[in-house]
Amino acid sequence: TDNTAHGIATVIGRLASDRQRWQQV
């Protein structure tokens, strides 16, 4: 769980924190 969970959360956080990145995907 641990490494994957932090990976999931990091990627979601990084993408969602920038609306342009979120809209791109």
PDBML (XML) file of the C-alpha atoms, coordinates in Angstrom:
<?xml version="1.0" encoding="UTF-8" ?>
<PDBx:datablock datablockName="MODEL"
   xmlns:PDBx="http://pdbml.pdb.org/schema/pdbx-v50.xsd"
   xmlns:xsi="http://www.w3.org/2001/XMLSchema-instance"
   xsi:schemaLocation="http://pdbml.pdb.org/schema/pdbx-v50.xsd pdbx-v50.xsd">
   <PDBx:atom_siteCategory>
      <PDBx:atom_site id="1">
         <PDBx:B_iso_or_equiv>0.00</PDBx:B_iso_or_equiv>
         <PDBx:Cartn_x>0.000</PDBx:Cartn_x>
         <PDBx:Cartn_y>0.000</PDBx:Cartn_y>
         <PDBx:Cartn_z>0.000</PDBx:Cartn_z>
         <PDBx:auth_asym_id>A</PDBx:auth_asym_id>
         <PDBx:auth_atom_id>CA</PDBx:auth_atom_id>
         <PDBx:auth_comp_id>THR</PDBx:auth_comp_id>
         <PDBx:auth_seq_id>1</PDBx:auth_seq_id>
         <PDBx:group_PDB>ATOM</PDBx:group_PDB>
         <PDBx:label_alt_id xsi:nil="true" />
         <PDBx:label_asym_id>A</PDBx:label_asym_id>
         <PDBx:label_atom_id>CA</PDBx:label_atom_id>
         <PDBx:label_comp_id>THR</PDBx:label_comp_id>
         <PDBx:label_entity_id>1</PDBx:label_entity_id>
         <PDBx:label_seq_id>1</PDBx:label_seq_id>
         <PDBx:occupancy>1.00</PDBx:occupancy>
         <PDBx:pdbx_PDB_model_num>1</PDBx:pdbx_PDB_model_num>
         <PDBx:type_symbol>C</PDBx:type_symbol>
      </PDBx:atom_site>
      <PDBx:atom_site id="2">
         <PDBx:B_iso_or_equiv>0.00</PDBx:B_iso_or_equiv>
         <PDBx:Cartn_x>2.305</PDBx:Cartn_x>
         <PDBx:Cartn_y>2.709</PDBx:Cartn_y>
         <PDBx:Cartn_z>1.289</PDBx:Cartn_z>
         <PDBx:auth_asym_id>A</PDBx:auth_asym_id>
         <PDBx:auth_atom_id>CA</PDBx:auth_atom_id>
         <PDBx:auth_comp_id>ASP</PDBx:auth_comp_id>
         <PDBx:auth_seq_id>2</PDBx:auth_seq_id>
         <PDBx:group_PDB>ATOM</PDBx:group_PDB>
         <PDBx:label_alt_id xsi:nil="true" />
         <PDBx:label_asym_id>A</PDBx:label_asym_id>
         <PDBx:label_atom_id>CA</PDBx:label_atom_id>
         <PDBx:label_comp_id>ASP</PDBx:label_comp_id>
         <PDBx:label_entity_id>1</PDBx:label_entity_id>
         <PDBx:label_seq_id>2</PDBx:label_seq_id>
         <PDBx:occupancy>1.00</PDBx:occupancy>
         <PDBx:pdbx_PDB_model_num>1</PDBx:pdbx_PDB_model_num>
         <PDBx:type_symbol>C</PDBx:type_symbol>
      </PDBx:atom_site>
      <PDBx:atom_site id="3">
         <PDBx:B_iso_or_equiv>0.00</PDBx:B_iso_or_equiv>
         <PDBx:Cartn_x>4.461</PDBx:Cartn_x>
         <PDBx:Cartn_y>3.670</PDBx:Cartn_y>
         <PDBx:Cartn_z>-1.700</PDBx:Cartn_z>
         <PDBx:auth_asym_id>A</PDBx:auth_asym_id>
         <PDBx:auth_atom_id>CA</PDBx:auth_atom_id>
         <PDBx:auth_comp_id>ASN</PDBx:auth_comp_id>
         <PDBx:auth_seq_id>3</PDBx:auth_seq_id>
         <PDBx:group_PDB>ATOM</PDBx:group_PDB>
         <PDBx:label_alt_id xsi:nil="true" />
         <PDBx:label_asym_id>A</PDBx:label_asym_id>
         <PDBx:label_atom_id>CA</PDBx:label_atom_id>
         <PDBx:label_comp_id>ASN</PDBx:label_comp_id>
         <PDBx:label_entity_id>1</PDBx:label_entity_id>
         <PDBx:label_seq_id>3</PDBx:label_seq_id>
         <PDBx:occupancy>1.00</PDBx:occupancy>
         <PDBx:pdbx_PDB_model_num>1</PDBx:pdbx_PDB_model_num>
         <PDBx:type_symbol>C</PDBx:type_symbol>
      </PDBx:atom_site>
      <PDBx:atom_site id="4">
         <PDBx:B_iso_or_equiv>0.00</PDBx:B_iso_or_equiv>
         <PDBx:Cartn_x>1.635</PDBx:Cartn_x>
         <PDBx:Cartn_y>3.260</PDBx:Cartn_y>
         <PDBx:Cartn_z>-4.199</PDBx:Cartn_z>
         <PDBx:auth_asym_id>A</PDBx:auth_asym_id>
         <PDBx:auth_atom_id>CA</PDBx:auth_atom_id>
         <PDBx:auth_comp_id>THR</PDBx:auth_comp_id>
         <PDBx:auth_seq_id>4</PDBx:auth_seq_id>
         <PDBx:group_PDB>ATOM</PDBx:group_PDB>
         <PDBx:label_alt_id xsi:nil="true" />
         <PDBx:label_asym_id>A</PDBx:label_asym_id>
         <PDBx:label_atom_id>CA</PDBx:label_atom_id>
         <PDBx:label_comp_id>THR</PDBx:label_comp_id>
         <PDBx:label_entity_id>1</PDBx:label_entity_id>
         <PDBx:label_seq_id>4</PDBx:label_seq_id>
         <PDBx:occupancy>1.00</PDBx:occupancy>
         <PDBx:pdbx_PDB_model_num>1</PDBx:pdbx_PDB_model_num>
         <PDBx:type_symbol>C</PDBx:type_symbol>
      </PDBx:atom_site>
      <PDBx:atom_site id="5">
         <PDBx:B_iso_or_equiv>0.00</PDBx:B_iso_or_equiv>
         <PDBx:Cartn_x>-0.780</PDBx:Cartn_x>
         <PDBx:Cartn_y>5.252</PDBx:Cartn_y>
         <PDBx:Cartn_z>-2.048</PDBx:Cartn_z>
         <PDBx:auth_asym_id>A</PDBx:auth_asym_id>
         <PDBx:auth_atom_id>CA</PDBx:auth_atom_id>
         <PDBx:auth_comp_id>ALA</PDBx:auth_comp_id>
         <PDBx:auth_seq_id>5</PDBx:auth_seq_id>
         <PDBx:group_PDB>ATOM</PDBx:group_PDB>
         <PDBx:label_alt_id xsi:nil="true" />
         <PDBx:label_asym_id>A</PDBx:label_asym_id>
         <PDBx:label_atom_id>CA</PDBx:label_atom_id>
         <PDBx:label_comp_id>ALA</PDBx:label_comp_id>
         <PDBx:label_entity_id>1</PDBx:label_entity_id>
         <PDBx:label_seq_id>5</PDBx:label_seq_id>
         <PDBx:occupancy>1.00</PDBx:occupancy>
         <PDBx:pdbx_PDB_model_num>1</PDBx:pdbx_PDB_model_num>
         <PDBx:type_symbol>C</PDBx:type_symbol>
      </PDBx:atom_site>
      <PDBx:atom_site id="6">
         <PDBx:B_iso_or_equiv>0.00</PDBx:B_iso_or_equiv>
         <PDBx:Cartn_x>1.599</PDBx:Cartn_x>
         <PDBx:Cartn_y>8.192</PDBx:Cartn_y>
         <PDBx:Cartn_z>-1.793</PDBx:Cartn_z>
         <PDBx:auth_asym_id>A</PDBx:auth_asym_id>
         <PDBx:auth_atom_id>CA</PDBx:auth_atom_id>
         <PDBx:auth_comp_id>HIS</PDBx:auth_comp_id>
         <PDBx:auth_seq_id>6</PDBx:auth_seq_id>
         <PDBx:group_PDB>ATOM</PDBx:group_PDB>
         <PDBx:label_alt_id xsi:nil="true" />
         <PDBx:label_asym_id>A</PDBx:label_asym_id>
         <PDBx:label_atom_id>CA</PDBx:label_atom_id>
         <PDBx:label_comp_id>HIS</PDBx:label_comp_id>
         <PDBx:label_entity_id>1</PDBx:label_entity_id>
         <PDBx:label_seq_id>6</PDBx:label_seq_id>
         <PDBx:occupancy>1.00</PDBx:occupancy>
         <PDBx:pdbx_PDB_model_num>1</PDBx:pdbx_PDB_model_num>
         <PDBx:type_symbol>C</PDBx:type_symbol>
      </PDBx:atom_site>
      <PDBx:atom_site id="7">
         <PDBx:B_iso_or_equiv>0.00</PDBx:B_iso_or_equiv>
         <PDBx:Cartn_x>2.218</PDBx:Cartn_x>
         <PDBx:Cartn_y>7.918</PDBx:Cartn_y>
         <PDBx:Cartn_z>-5.535</PDBx:Cartn_z>
         <PDBx:auth_asym_id>A</PDBx:auth_asym_id>
         <PDBx:auth_atom_id>CA</PDBx:auth_atom_id>
         <PDBx:auth_comp_id>GLY</PDBx:auth_comp_id>
         <PDBx:auth_seq_id>7</PDBx:auth_seq_id>
         <PDBx:group_PDB>ATOM</PDBx:group_PDB>
         <PDBx:label_alt_id xsi:nil="true" />
         <PDBx:label_asym_id>A</PDBx:label_asym_id>
         <PDBx:label_atom_id>CA</PDBx:label_atom_id>
         <PDBx:label_comp_id>GLY</PDBx:label_comp_id>
         <PDBx:label_entity_id>1</PDBx:label_entity_id>
         <PDBx:label_seq_id>7</PDBx:label_seq_id>
         <PDBx:occupancy>1.00</PDBx:occupancy>
         <PDBx:pdbx_PDB_model_num>1</PDBx:pdbx_PDB_model_num>
         <PDBx:type_symbol>C</PDBx:type_symbol>
      </PDBx:atom_site>
      <PDBx:atom_site id="8">
         <PDBx:B_iso_or_equiv>0.00</PDBx:B_iso_or_equiv>
         <PDBx:Cartn_x>-1.521</PDBx:Cartn_x>
         <PDBx:Cartn_y>8.074</PDBx:Cartn_y>
         <PDBx:Cartn_z>-6.275</PDBx:Cartn_z>
         <PDBx:auth_asym_id>A</PDBx:auth_asym_id>
         <PDBx:auth_atom_id>CA</PDBx:auth_atom_id>
         <PDBx:auth_comp_id>ILE</PDBx:auth_comp_id>
         <PDBx:auth_seq_id>8</PDBx:auth_seq_id>
         <PDBx:group_PDB>ATOM</PDBx:group_PDB>
         <PDBx:label_alt_id xsi:nil="true" />
         <PDBx:label_asym_id>A</PDBx:label_asym_id>
         <PDBx:label_atom_id>CA</PDBx:label_atom_id>
         <PDBx:label_comp_id>ILE</PDBx:label_comp_id>
         <PDBx:label_entity_id>1</PDBx:label_entity_id>
         <PDBx:label_seq_id>8</PDBx:label_seq_id>
         <PDBx:occupancy>1.00</PDBx:occupancy>
         <PDBx:pdbx_PDB_model_num>1</PDBx:pdbx_PDB_model_num>
         <PDBx:type_symbol>C</PDBx:type_symbol>
      </PDBx:atom_site>
      <PDBx:atom_site id="9">
         <PDBx:B_iso_or_equiv>0.00</PDBx:B_iso_or_equiv>
         <PDBx:Cartn_x>-2.024</PDBx:Cartn_x>
         <PDBx:Cartn_y>11.014</PDBx:Cartn_y>
         <PDBx:Cartn_z>-3.933</PDBx:Cartn_z>
         <PDBx:auth_asym_id>A</PDBx:auth_asym_id>
         <PDBx:auth_atom_id>CA</PDBx:auth_atom_id>
         <PDBx:auth_comp_id>ALA</PDBx:auth_comp_id>
         <PDBx:auth_seq_id>9</PDBx:auth_seq_id>
         <PDBx:group_PDB>ATOM</PDBx:group_PDB>
         <PDBx:label_alt_id xsi:nil="true" />
         <PDBx:label_asym_id>A</PDBx:label_asym_id>
         <PDBx:label_atom_id>CA</PDBx:label_atom_id>
         <PDBx:label_comp_id>ALA</PDBx:label_comp_id>
         <PDBx:label_entity_id>1</PDBx:label_entity_id>
         <PDBx:label_seq_id>9</PDBx:label_seq_id>
         <PDBx:occupancy>1.00</PDBx:occupancy>
         <PDBx:pdbx_PDB_model_num>1</PDBx:pdbx_PDB_model_num>
         <PDBx:type_symbol>C</PDBx:type_symbol>
      </PDBx:atom_site>
      <PDBx:atom_site id="10">
         <PDBx:B_iso_or_equiv>0.00</PDBx:B_iso_or_equiv>
         <PDBx:Cartn_x>1.006</PDBx:Cartn_x>
         <PDBx:Cartn_y>12.904</PDBx:Cartn_y>
         <PDBx:Cartn_z>-5.251</PDBx:Cartn_z>
         <PDBx:auth_asym_id>A</PDBx:auth_asym_id>
         <PDBx:auth_atom_id>CA</PDBx:auth_atom_id>
         <PDBx:auth_comp_id>THR</PDBx:auth_comp_id>
         <PDBx:auth_seq_id>10</PDBx:auth_seq_id>
         <PDBx:group_PDB>ATOM</PDBx:group_PDB>
         <PDBx:label_alt_id xsi:nil="true" />
         <PDBx:label_asym_id>A</PDBx:label_asym_id>
         <PDBx:label_atom_id>CA</PDBx:label_atom_id>
         <PDBx:label_comp_id>THR</PDBx:label_comp_id>
         <PDBx:label_entity_id>1</PDBx:label_entity_id>
         <PDBx:label_seq_id>10</PDBx:label_seq_id>
         <PDBx:occupancy>1.00</PDBx:occupancy>
         <PDBx:pdbx_PDB_model_num>1</PDBx:pdbx_PDB_model_num>
         <PDBx:type_symbol>C</PDBx:type_symbol>
      </PDBx:atom_site>
      <PDBx:atom_site id="11">
         <PDBx:B_iso_or_equiv>0.00</PDBx:B_iso_or_equiv>
         <PDBx:Cartn_x>-0.022</PDBx:Cartn_x>
         <PDBx:Cartn_y>12.610</PDBx:Cartn_y>
         <PDBx:Cartn_z>-8.889</PDBx:Cartn_z>
         <PDBx:auth_asym_id>A</PDBx:auth_asym_id>
         <PDBx:auth_atom_id>CA</PDBx:auth_atom_id>
         <PDBx:auth_comp_id>VAL</PDBx:auth_comp_id>
         <PDBx:auth_seq_id>11</PDBx:auth_seq_id>
         <PDBx:group_PDB>ATOM</PDBx:group_PDB>
         <PDBx:label_alt_id xsi:nil="true" />
         <PDBx:label_asym_id>A</PDBx:label_asym_id>
         <PDBx:label_atom_id>CA</PDBx:label_atom_id>
         <PDBx:label_comp_id>VAL</PDBx:label_comp_id>
         <PDBx:label_entity_id>1</PDBx:label_entity_id>
         <PDBx:label_seq_id>11</PDBx:label_seq_id>
         <PDBx:occupancy>1.00</PDBx:occupancy>
         <PDBx:pdbx_PDB_model_num>1</PDBx:pdbx_PDB_model_num>
         <PDBx:type_symbol>C</PDBx:type_symbol>
      </PDBx:atom_site>
      <PDBx:atom_site id="12">
         <PDBx:B_iso_or_equiv>0.00</PDBx:B_iso_or_equiv>
         <PDBx:Cartn_x>-3.634</PDBx:Cartn_x>
         <PDBx:Cartn_y>13.578</PDBx:Cartn_y>
         <PDBx:Cartn_z>-8.195</PDBx:Cartn_z>
         <PDBx:auth_asym_id>A</PDBx:auth_asym_id>
         <PDBx:auth_atom_id>CA</PDBx:auth_atom_id>
         <PDBx:auth_comp_id>ILE</PDBx:auth_comp_id>
         <PDBx:auth_seq_id>12</PDBx:auth_seq_id>
         <PDBx:group_PDB>ATOM</PDBx:group_PDB>
         <PDBx:label_alt_id xsi:nil="true" />
         <PDBx:label_asym_id>A</PDBx:label_asym_id>
         <PDBx:label_atom_id>CA</PDBx:label_atom_id>
         <PDBx:label_comp_id>ILE</PDBx:label_comp_id>
         <PDBx:label_entity_id>1</PDBx:label_entity_id>
         <PDBx:label_seq_id>12</PDBx:label_seq_id>
         <PDBx:occupancy>1.00</PDBx:occupancy>
         <PDBx:pdbx_PDB_model_num>1</PDBx:pdbx_PDB_model_num>
         <PDBx:type_symbol>C</PDBx:type_symbol>
      </PDBx:atom_site>
      <PDBx:atom_site id="13">
         <PDBx:B_iso_or_equiv>0.00</PDBx:B_iso_or_equiv>
         <PDBx:Cartn_x>-2.499</PDBx:Cartn_x>
         <PDBx:Cartn_y>16.508</PDBx:Cartn_y>
         <PDBx:Cartn_z>-6.079</PDBx:Cartn_z>
         <PDBx:auth_asym_id>A</PDBx:auth_asym_id>
         <PDBx:auth_atom_id>CA</PDBx:auth_atom_id>
         <PDBx:auth_comp_id>GLY</PDBx:auth_comp_id>
         <PDBx:auth_seq_id>13</PDBx:auth_seq_id>
         <PDBx:group_PDB>ATOM</PDBx:group_PDB>
         <PDBx:label_alt_id xsi:nil="true" />
         <PDBx:label_asym_id>A</PDBx:label_asym_id>
         <PDBx:label_atom_id>CA</PDBx:label_atom_id>
         <PDBx:label_comp_id>GLY</PDBx:label_comp_id>
         <PDBx:label_entity_id>1</PDBx:label_entity_id>
         <PDBx:label_seq_id>13</PDBx:label_seq_id>
         <PDBx:occupancy>1.00</PDBx:occupancy>
         <PDBx:pdbx_PDB_model_num>1</PDBx:pdbx_PDB_model_num>
         <PDBx:type_symbol>C</PDBx:type_symbol>
      </PDBx:atom_site>
      <PDBx:atom_site id="14">
         <PDBx:B_iso_or_equiv>0.00</PDBx:B_iso_or_equiv>
         <PDBx:Cartn_x>0.020</PDBx:Cartn_x>
         <PDBx:Cartn_y>17.765</PDBx:Cartn_y>
         <PDBx:Cartn_z>-8.632</PDBx:Cartn_z>
         <PDBx:auth_asym_id>A</PDBx:auth_asym_id>
         <PDBx:auth_atom_id>CA</PDBx:auth_atom_id>
         <PDBx:auth_comp_id>ARG</PDBx:auth_comp_id>
         <PDBx:auth_seq_id>14</PDBx:auth_seq_id>
         <PDBx:group_PDB>ATOM</PDBx:group_PDB>
         <PDBx:label_alt_id xsi:nil="true" />
         <PDBx:label_asym_id>A</PDBx:label_asym_id>
         <PDBx:label_atom_id>CA</PDBx:label_atom_id>
         <PDBx:label_comp_id>ARG</PDBx:label_comp_id>
         <PDBx:label_entity_id>1</PDBx:label_entity_id>
         <PDBx:label_seq_id>14</PDBx:label_seq_id>
         <PDBx:occupancy>1.00</PDBx:occupancy>
         <PDBx:pdbx_PDB_model_num>1</PDBx:pdbx_PDB_model_num>
         <PDBx:type_symbol>C</PDBx:type_symbol>
      </PDBx:atom_site>
      <PDBx:atom_site id="15">
         <PDBx:B_iso_or_equiv>0.00</PDBx:B_iso_or_equiv>
         <PDBx:Cartn_x>-2.439</PDBx:Cartn_x>
         <PDBx:Cartn_y>17.544</PDBx:Cartn_y>
         <PDBx:Cartn_z>-11.511</PDBx:Cartn_z>
         <PDBx:auth_asym_id>A</PDBx:auth_asym_id>
         <PDBx:auth_atom_id>CA</PDBx:auth_atom_id>
         <PDBx:auth_comp_id>LEU</PDBx:auth_comp_id>
         <PDBx:auth_seq_id>15</PDBx:auth_seq_id>
         <PDBx:group_PDB>ATOM</PDBx:group_PDB>
         <PDBx:label_alt_id xsi:nil="true" />
         <PDBx:label_asym_id>A</PDBx:label_asym_id>
         <PDBx:label_atom_id>CA</PDBx:label_atom_id>
         <PDBx:label_comp_id>LEU</PDBx:label_comp_id>
         <PDBx:label_entity_id>1</PDBx:label_entity_id>
         <PDBx:label_seq_id>15</PDBx:label_seq_id>
         <PDBx:occupancy>1.00</PDBx:occupancy>
         <PDBx:pdbx_PDB_model_num>1</PDBx:pdbx_PDB_model_num>
         <PDBx:type_symbol>C</PDBx:type_symbol>
      </PDBx:atom_site>
      <PDBx:atom_site id="16">
         <PDBx:B_iso_or_equiv>0.00</PDBx:B_iso_or_equiv>
         <PDBx:Cartn_x>-5.445</PDBx:Cartn_x>
         <PDBx:Cartn_y>18.955</PDBx:Cartn_y>
         <PDBx:Cartn_z>-9.649</PDBx:Cartn_z>
         <PDBx:auth_asym_id>A</PDBx:auth_asym_id>
         <PDBx:auth_atom_id>CA</PDBx:auth_atom_id>
         <PDBx:auth_comp_id>ALA</PDBx:auth_comp_id>
         <PDBx:auth_seq_id>16</PDBx:auth_seq_id>
         <PDBx:group_PDB>ATOM</PDBx:group_PDB>
         <PDBx:label_alt_id xsi:nil="true" />
         <PDBx:label_asym_id>A</PDBx:label_asym_id>
         <PDBx:label_atom_id>CA</PDBx:label_atom_id>
         <PDBx:label_comp_id>ALA</PDBx:label_comp_id>
         <PDBx:label_entity_id>1</PDBx:label_entity_id>
         <PDBx:label_seq_id>16</PDBx:label_seq_id>
         <PDBx:occupancy>1.00</PDBx:occupancy>
         <PDBx:pdbx_PDB_model_num>1</PDBx:pdbx_PDB_model_num>
         <PDBx:type_symbol>C</PDBx:type_symbol>
      </PDBx:atom_site>
      <PDBx:atom_site id="17">
         <PDBx:B_iso_or_equiv>0.00</PDBx:B_iso_or_equiv>
         <PDBx:Cartn_x>-3.429</PDBx:Cartn_x>
         <PDBx:Cartn_y>21.854</PDBx:Cartn_y>
         <PDBx:Cartn_z>-8.226</PDBx:Cartn_z>
         <PDBx:auth_asym_id>A</PDBx:auth_asym_id>
         <PDBx:auth_atom_id>CA</PDBx:auth_atom_id>
         <PDBx:auth_comp_id>SER</PDBx:auth_comp_id>
         <PDBx:auth_seq_id>17</PDBx:auth_seq_id>
         <PDBx:group_PDB>ATOM</PDBx:group_PDB>
         <PDBx:label_alt_id xsi:nil="true" />
         <PDBx:label_asym_id>A</PDBx:label_asym_id>
         <PDBx:label_atom_id>CA</PDBx:label_atom_id>
         <PDBx:label_comp_id>SER</PDBx:label_comp_id>
         <PDBx:label_entity_id>1</PDBx:label_entity_id>
         <PDBx:label_seq_id>17</PDBx:label_seq_id>
         <PDBx:occupancy>1.00</PDBx:occupancy>
         <PDBx:pdbx_PDB_model_num>1</PDBx:pdbx_PDB_model_num>
         <PDBx:type_symbol>C</PDBx:type_symbol>
      </PDBx:atom_site>
      <PDBx:atom_site id="18">
         <PDBx:B_iso_or_equiv>0.00</PDBx:B_iso_or_equiv>
         <PDBx:Cartn_x>-2.948</PDBx:Cartn_x>
         <PDBx:Cartn_y>23.223</PDBx:Cartn_y>
         <PDBx:Cartn_z>-11.750</PDBx:Cartn_z>
         <PDBx:auth_asym_id>A</PDBx:auth_asym_id>
         <PDBx:auth_atom_id>CA</PDBx:auth_atom_id>
         <PDBx:auth_comp_id>ASP</PDBx:auth_comp_id>
         <PDBx:auth_seq_id>18</PDBx:auth_seq_id>
         <PDBx:group_PDB>ATOM</PDBx:group_PDB>
         <PDBx:label_alt_id xsi:nil="true" />
         <PDBx:label_asym_id>A</PDBx:label_asym_id>
         <PDBx:label_atom_id>CA</PDBx:label_atom_id>
         <PDBx:label_comp_id>ASP</PDBx:label_comp_id>
         <PDBx:label_entity_id>1</PDBx:label_entity_id>
         <PDBx:label_seq_id>18</PDBx:label_seq_id>
         <PDBx:occupancy>1.00</PDBx:occupancy>
         <PDBx:pdbx_PDB_model_num>1</PDBx:pdbx_PDB_model_num>
         <PDBx:type_symbol>C</PDBx:type_symbol>
      </PDBx:atom_site>
      <PDBx:atom_site id="19">
         <PDBx:B_iso_or_equiv>0.00</PDBx:B_iso_or_equiv>
         <PDBx:Cartn_x>-6.198</PDBx:Cartn_x>
         <PDBx:Cartn_y>23.659</PDBx:Cartn_y>
         <PDBx:Cartn_z>-13.671</PDBx:Cartn_z>
         <PDBx:auth_asym_id>A</PDBx:auth_asym_id>
         <PDBx:auth_atom_id>CA</PDBx:auth_atom_id>
         <PDBx:auth_comp_id>ARG</PDBx:auth_comp_id>
         <PDBx:auth_seq_id>19</PDBx:auth_seq_id>
         <PDBx:group_PDB>ATOM</PDBx:group_PDB>
         <PDBx:label_alt_id xsi:nil="true" />
         <PDBx:label_asym_id>A</PDBx:label_asym_id>
         <PDBx:label_atom_id>CA</PDBx:label_atom_id>
         <PDBx:label_comp_id>ARG</PDBx:label_comp_id>
         <PDBx:label_entity_id>1</PDBx:label_entity_id>
         <PDBx:label_seq_id>19</PDBx:label_seq_id>
         <PDBx:occupancy>1.00</PDBx:occupancy>
         <PDBx:pdbx_PDB_model_num>1</PDBx:pdbx_PDB_model_num>
         <PDBx:type_symbol>C</PDBx:type_symbol>
      </PDBx:atom_site>
      <PDBx:atom_site id="20">
         <PDBx:B_iso_or_equiv>0.00</PDBx:B_iso_or_equiv>
         <PDBx:Cartn_x>-4.378</PDBx:Cartn_x>
         <PDBx:Cartn_y>23.766</PDBx:Cartn_y>
         <PDBx:Cartn_z>-16.994</PDBx:Cartn_z>
         <PDBx:auth_asym_id>A</PDBx:auth_asym_id>
         <PDBx:auth_atom_id>CA</PDBx:auth_atom_id>
         <PDBx:auth_comp_id>GLN</PDBx:auth_comp_id>
         <PDBx:auth_seq_id>20</PDBx:auth_seq_id>
         <PDBx:group_PDB>ATOM</PDBx:group_PDB>
         <PDBx:label_alt_id xsi:nil="true" />
         <PDBx:label_asym_id>A</PDBx:label_asym_id>
         <PDBx:label_atom_id>CA</PDBx:label_atom_id>
         <PDBx:label_comp_id>GLN</PDBx:label_comp_id>
         <PDBx:label_entity_id>1</PDBx:label_entity_id>
         <PDBx:label_seq_id>20</PDBx:label_seq_id>
         <PDBx:occupancy>1.00</PDBx:occupancy>
         <PDBx:pdbx_PDB_model_num>1</PDBx:pdbx_PDB_model_num>
         <PDBx:type_symbol>C</PDBx:type_symbol>
      </PDBx:atom_site>
      <PDBx:atom_site id="21">
         <PDBx:B_iso_or_equiv>0.00</PDBx:B_iso_or_equiv>
         <PDBx:Cartn_x>-2.779</PDBx:Cartn_x>
         <PDBx:Cartn_y>20.379</PDBx:Cartn_y>
         <PDBx:Cartn_z>-16.330</PDBx:Cartn_z>
         <PDBx:auth_asym_id>A</PDBx:auth_asym_id>
         <PDBx:auth_atom_id>CA</PDBx:auth_atom_id>
         <PDBx:auth_comp_id>ARG</PDBx:auth_comp_id>
         <PDBx:auth_seq_id>21</PDBx:auth_seq_id>
         <PDBx:group_PDB>ATOM</PDBx:group_PDB>
         <PDBx:label_alt_id xsi:nil="true" />
         <PDBx:label_asym_id>A</PDBx:label_asym_id>
         <PDBx:label_atom_id>CA</PDBx:label_atom_id>
         <PDBx:label_comp_id>ARG</PDBx:label_comp_id>
         <PDBx:label_entity_id>1</PDBx:label_entity_id>
         <PDBx:label_seq_id>21</PDBx:label_seq_id>
         <PDBx:occupancy>1.00</PDBx:occupancy>
         <PDBx:pdbx_PDB_model_num>1</PDBx:pdbx_PDB_model_num>
         <PDBx:type_symbol>C</PDBx:type_symbol>
      </PDBx:atom_site>
      <PDBx:atom_site id="22">
         <PDBx:B_iso_or_equiv>0.00</PDBx:B_iso_or_equiv>
         <PDBx:Cartn_x>-6.105</PDBx:Cartn_x>
         <PDBx:Cartn_y>18.923</PDBx:Cartn_y>
         <PDBx:Cartn_z>-15.205</PDBx:Cartn_z>
         <PDBx:auth_asym_id>A</PDBx:auth_asym_id>
         <PDBx:auth_atom_id>CA</PDBx:auth_atom_id>
         <PDBx:auth_comp_id>TRP</PDBx:auth_comp_id>
         <PDBx:auth_seq_id>22</PDBx:auth_seq_id>
         <PDBx:group_PDB>ATOM</PDBx:group_PDB>
         <PDBx:label_alt_id xsi:nil="true" />
         <PDBx:label_asym_id>A</PDBx:label_asym_id>
         <PDBx:label_atom_id>CA</PDBx:label_atom_id>
         <PDBx:label_comp_id>TRP</PDBx:label_comp_id>
         <PDBx:label_entity_id>1</PDBx:label_entity_id>
         <PDBx:label_seq_id>22</PDBx:label_seq_id>
         <PDBx:occupancy>1.00</PDBx:occupancy>
         <PDBx:pdbx_PDB_model_num>1</PDBx:pdbx_PDB_model_num>
         <PDBx:type_symbol>C</PDBx:type_symbol>
      </PDBx:atom_site>
      <PDBx:atom_site id="23">
         <PDBx:B_iso_or_equiv>0.00</PDBx:B_iso_or_equiv>
         <PDBx:Cartn_x>-7.894</PDBx:Cartn_x>
         <PDBx:Cartn_y>20.234</PDBx:Cartn_y>
         <PDBx:Cartn_z>-18.290</PDBx:Cartn_z>
         <PDBx:auth_asym_id>A</PDBx:auth_asym_id>
         <PDBx:auth_atom_id>CA</PDBx:auth_atom_id>
         <PDBx:auth_comp_id>GLN</PDBx:auth_comp_id>
         <PDBx:auth_seq_id>23</PDBx:auth_seq_id>
         <PDBx:group_PDB>ATOM</PDBx:group_PDB>
         <PDBx:label_alt_id xsi:nil="true" />
         <PDBx:label_asym_id>A</PDBx:label_asym_id>
         <PDBx:label_atom_id>CA</PDBx:label_atom_id>
         <PDBx:label_comp_id>GLN</PDBx:label_comp_id>
         <PDBx:label_entity_id>1</PDBx:label_entity_id>
         <PDBx:label_seq_id>23</PDBx:label_seq_id>
         <PDBx:occupancy>1.00</PDBx:occupancy>
         <PDBx:pdbx_PDB_model_num>1</PDBx:pdbx_PDB_model_num>
         <PDBx:type_symbol>C</PDBx:type_symbol>
      </PDBx:atom_site>
      <PDBx:atom_site id="24">
         <PDBx:B_iso_or_equiv>0.00</PDBx:B_iso_or_equiv>
         <PDBx:Cartn_x>-5.158</PDBx:Cartn_x>
         <PDBx:Cartn_y>18.877</PDBx:Cartn_y>
         <PDBx:Cartn_z>-20.529</PDBx:Cartn_z>
         <PDBx:auth_asym_id>A</PDBx:auth_asym_id>
         <PDBx:auth_atom_id>CA</PDBx:auth_atom_id>
         <PDBx:auth_comp_id>GLN</PDBx:auth_comp_id>
         <PDBx:auth_seq_id>24</PDBx:auth_seq_id>
         <PDBx:group_PDB>ATOM</PDBx:group_PDB>
         <PDBx:label_alt_id xsi:nil="true" />
         <PDBx:label_asym_id>A</PDBx:label_asym_id>
         <PDBx:label_atom_id>CA</PDBx:label_atom_id>
         <PDBx:label_comp_id>GLN</PDBx:label_comp_id>
         <PDBx:label_entity_id>1</PDBx:label_entity_id>
         <PDBx:label_seq_id>24</PDBx:label_seq_id>
         <PDBx:occupancy>1.00</PDBx:occupancy>
         <PDBx:pdbx_PDB_model_num>1</PDBx:pdbx_PDB_model_num>
         <PDBx:type_symbol>C</PDBx:type_symbol>
      </PDBx:atom_site>
      <PDBx:atom_site id="25">
         <PDBx:B_iso_or_equiv>0.00</PDBx:B_iso_or_equiv>
         <PDBx:Cartn_x>-5.758</PDBx:Cartn_x>
         <PDBx:Cartn_y>15.275</PDBx:Cartn_y>
         <PDBx:Cartn_z>-19.432</PDBx:Cartn_z>
         <PDBx:auth_asym_id>A</PDBx:auth_asym_id>
         <PDBx:auth_atom_id>CA</PDBx:auth_atom_id>
         <PDBx:auth_comp_id>VAL</PDBx:auth_comp_id>
         <PDBx:auth_seq_id>25</PDBx:auth_seq_id>
         <PDBx:group_PDB>ATOM</PDBx:group_PDB>
         <PDBx:label_alt_id xsi:nil="true" />
         <PDBx:label_asym_id>A</PDBx:label_asym_id>
         <PDBx:label_atom_id>CA</PDBx:label_atom_id>
         <PDBx:label_comp_id>VAL</PDBx:label_comp_id>
         <PDBx:label_entity_id>1</PDBx:label_entity_id>
         <PDBx:label_seq_id>25</PDBx:label_seq_id>
         <PDBx:occupancy>1.00</PDBx:occupancy>
         <PDBx:pdbx_PDB_model_num>1</PDBx:pdbx_PDB_model_num>
         <PDBx:type_symbol>C</PDBx:type_symbol>
      </PDBx:atom_site>
   </PDBx:atom_siteCategory>
</PDBx:datablock>
